[in-house]
Amino acid sequence: MFITLFNAVVFLPMYLTGHPKDQKDVIDTEKNVIILALLTSINISGSPPKQIAVFVLMMFIYTLGAFSLMYFYWKKSMEWRYRKHSH
């Protein structure tokens, strides 16, 4: 849930305010804009600073989230193990 909220609050505005390196990436064969392409990292391919920012934020936030969850469940497993073997 945290990652989903973080993506919605931080990354979607970044993607929406970006511009692609090649307009063909976000336009289909009938010259219509592909909305889904505007909501992905394709839309920031023309902006190297935004690409770097997205990479660094994802690397830190997702790694921190993964380690936090691993620590939380490790502590829970230790509590359960202690309760099971203590008399």
C-alpha atoms as a PDB file:
ATOM      1  CA  MET A   1       0.000   0.000   0.000  1.00  0.00           C
ATOM      2  CA  PHE A   2       2.844   2.375   0.861  1.00  0.00           C
ATOM      3  CA  ILE A   3       4.537   1.835  -2.497  1.00  0.00           C
ATOM      4  CA  THR A   4       1.268   2.371  -4.351  1.00  0.00           C
ATOM      5  CA  LEU A   5       0.583   5.629  -2.513  1.00  0.00           C
ATOM      6  CA  PHE A   6       4.166   6.787  -3.046  1.00  0.00           C
ATOM      7  CA  ASN A   7       3.891   6.052  -6.768  1.00  0.00           C
ATOM      8  CA  ALA A   8       0.617   7.960  -7.024  1.00  0.00           C
ATOM      9  CA  VAL A   9       1.874  10.997  -5.096  1.00  0.00           C
ATOM     10  CA  VAL A  10       5.452  11.285  -6.407  1.00  0.00           C
ATOM     11  CA  PHE A  11       5.939   9.435  -9.668  1.00  0.00           C
ATOM     12  CA  LEU A  12       2.667  10.073 -11.513  1.00  0.00           C
ATOM     13  CA  PRO A  13       3.099  13.878 -11.401  1.00  0.00           C
ATOM     14  CA  MET A  14       6.694  13.418 -12.557  1.00  0.00           C
ATOM     15  CA  TYR A  15       5.582  11.300 -15.475  1.00  0.00           C
ATOM     16  CA  LEU A  16       2.729  13.639 -16.420  1.00  0.00           C
ATOM     17  CA  THR A  17       4.982  16.713 -16.501  1.00  0.00           C
ATOM     18  CA  GLY A  18       7.673  15.009 -18.576  1.00  0.00           C
ATOM     19  CA  HIS A  19       8.202  14.846 -22.294  1.00  0.00           C
ATOM     20  CA  PRO A  20       9.284  11.815 -24.315  1.00  0.00           C
ATOM     21  CA  LYS A  21      12.458  11.690 -26.360  1.00  0.00           C
ATOM     22  CA  ASP A  22      10.436  10.732 -29.431  1.00  0.00           C
ATOM     23  CA  GLN A  23       6.767  11.693 -29.874  1.00  0.00           C
ATOM     24  CA  LYS A  24       6.182   8.377 -31.664  1.00  0.00           C
ATOM     25  CA  ASP A  25       6.463   6.696 -28.259  1.00  0.00           C
ATOM     26  CA  VAL A  26       3.217   8.272 -27.028  1.00  0.00           C
ATOM     27  CA  ILE A  27       1.228   8.517 -30.278  1.00  0.00           C
ATOM     28  CA  ASP A  28      -0.464   5.563 -31.943  1.00  0.00           C
ATOM     29  CA  THR A  29      -0.859   4.872 -35.669  1.00  0.00           C
ATOM     30  CA  GLU A  30      -4.042   6.973 -35.850  1.00  0.00           C
ATOM     31  CA  LYS A  31      -2.260  10.037 -34.371  1.00  0.00           C
ATOM     32  CA  ASN A  32      -4.023   9.701 -30.988  1.00  0.00           C
ATOM     33  CA  VAL A  33      -2.131  10.209 -27.733  1.00  0.00           C
ATOM     34  CA  ILE A  34      -1.771   7.005 -25.724  1.00  0.00           C
ATOM     35  CA  ILE A  35      -2.817   7.956 -22.203  1.00  0.00           C
ATOM     36  CA  LEU A  36      -1.113   4.933 -20.613  1.00  0.00           C
ATOM     37  CA  ALA A  37       2.218   5.934 -22.185  1.00  0.00           C
ATOM     38  CA  LEU A  38       1.939   9.330 -20.478  1.00  0.00           C
ATOM     39  CA  LEU A  39       1.676   7.597 -17.084  1.00  0.00           C
ATOM     40  CA  THR A  40       4.895   5.590 -17.421  1.00  0.00           C
ATOM     41  CA  SER A  41       8.603   6.320 -17.526  1.00  0.00           C
ATOM     42  CA  ILE A  42       8.427   6.536 -21.336  1.00  0.00           C
ATOM     43  CA  ASN A  43       7.130  10.070 -20.894  1.00  0.00           C
ATOM     44  CA  ILE A  44      10.308  11.243 -19.115  1.00  0.00           C
ATOM     45  CA  SER A  45      12.771   9.745 -21.593  1.00  0.00           C
ATOM     46  CA  GLY A  46      13.565  13.225 -22.928  1.00  0.00           C
ATOM     47  CA  SER A  47      14.525  14.567 -19.489  1.00  0.00           C
ATOM     48  CA  PRO A  48      17.721  13.009 -18.031  1.00  0.00           C
ATOM     49  CA  PRO A  49      17.424  14.800 -14.647  1.00  0.00           C
ATOM     50  CA  LYS A  50      13.939  13.354 -14.147  1.00  0.00           C
ATOM     51  CA  GLN A  51      15.168   9.909 -15.153  1.00  0.00           C
ATOM     52  CA  ILE A  52      17.944  10.081 -12.576  1.00  0.00           C
ATOM     53  CA  ALA A  53      15.569  11.371  -9.897  1.00  0.00           C
ATOM     54  CA  VAL A  54      13.088   8.558 -10.557  1.00  0.00           C
ATOM     55  CA  PHE A  55      15.852   5.941 -10.493  1.00  0.00           C
ATOM     56  CA  VAL A  56      17.349   7.208  -7.230  1.00  0.00           C
ATOM     57  CA  LEU A  57      13.976   7.608  -5.514  1.00  0.00           C
ATOM     58  CA  MET A  58      12.843   4.149  -6.578  1.00  0.00           C
ATOM     59  CA  MET A  59      16.112   2.595  -5.505  1.00  0.00           C
ATOM     60  CA  PHE A  60      16.027   4.133  -2.017  1.00  0.00           C
ATOM     61  CA  ILE A  61      12.289   3.968  -1.309  1.00  0.00           C
ATOM     62  CA  TYR A  62      11.729   0.430  -2.595  1.00  0.00           C
ATOM     63  CA  THR A  63      14.860  -0.913  -0.905  1.00  0.00           C
ATOM     64  CA  LEU A  64      13.943   0.798   2.360  1.00  0.00           C
ATOM     65  CA  GLY A  65      10.398  -0.566   2.080  1.00  0.00           C
ATOM     66  CA  ALA A  66      11.628  -4.097   1.430  1.00  0.00           C
ATOM     67  CA  PHE A  67      14.073  -4.032   4.344  1.00  0.00           C
ATOM     68  CA  SER A  68      11.437  -2.532   6.636  1.00  0.00           C
ATOM     69  CA  LEU A  69       9.004  -5.322   5.809  1.00  0.00           C
ATOM     70  CA  MET A  70      11.698  -7.968   6.254  1.00  0.00           C
ATOM     71  CA  TYR A  71      12.627  -6.521   9.673  1.00  0.00           C
ATOM     72  CA  PHE A  72       8.983  -6.277  10.749  1.00  0.00           C
ATOM     73  CA  TYR A  73       8.248  -9.898   9.857  1.00  0.00           C
ATOM     74  CA  TRP A  74      11.537 -11.095  11.338  1.00  0.00           C
ATOM     75  CA  LYS A  75      10.568  -9.483  14.662  1.00  0.00           C
ATOM     76  CA  LYS A  76       7.114 -11.061  14.445  1.00  0.00           C
ATOM     77  CA  SER A  77       8.620 -14.498  13.767  1.00  0.00           C
ATOM     78  CA  MET A  78      10.919 -14.103  16.774  1.00  0.00           C
ATOM     79  CA  GLU A  79       7.939 -13.209  18.983  1.00  0.00           C
ATOM     80  CA  TRP A  80       5.958 -16.200  17.702  1.00  0.00           C
ATOM     81  CA  ARG A  81       8.932 -18.526  18.171  1.00  0.00           C
ATOM     82  CA  TYR A  82       9.476 -17.231  21.718  1.00  0.00           C
ATOM     83  CA  ARG A  83       5.795 -17.719  22.588  1.00  0.00           C
ATOM     84  CA  LYS A  84       5.749 -21.216  21.126  1.00  0.00           C
ATOM     85  CA  HIS A  85       8.820 -22.450  23.013  1.00  0.00           C
ATOM     86  CA  SER A  86       8.367 -20.615  26.315  1.00  0.00           C
ATOM     87  CA  HIS A  87       6.445 -22.456  29.012  1.00  0.00           C
END
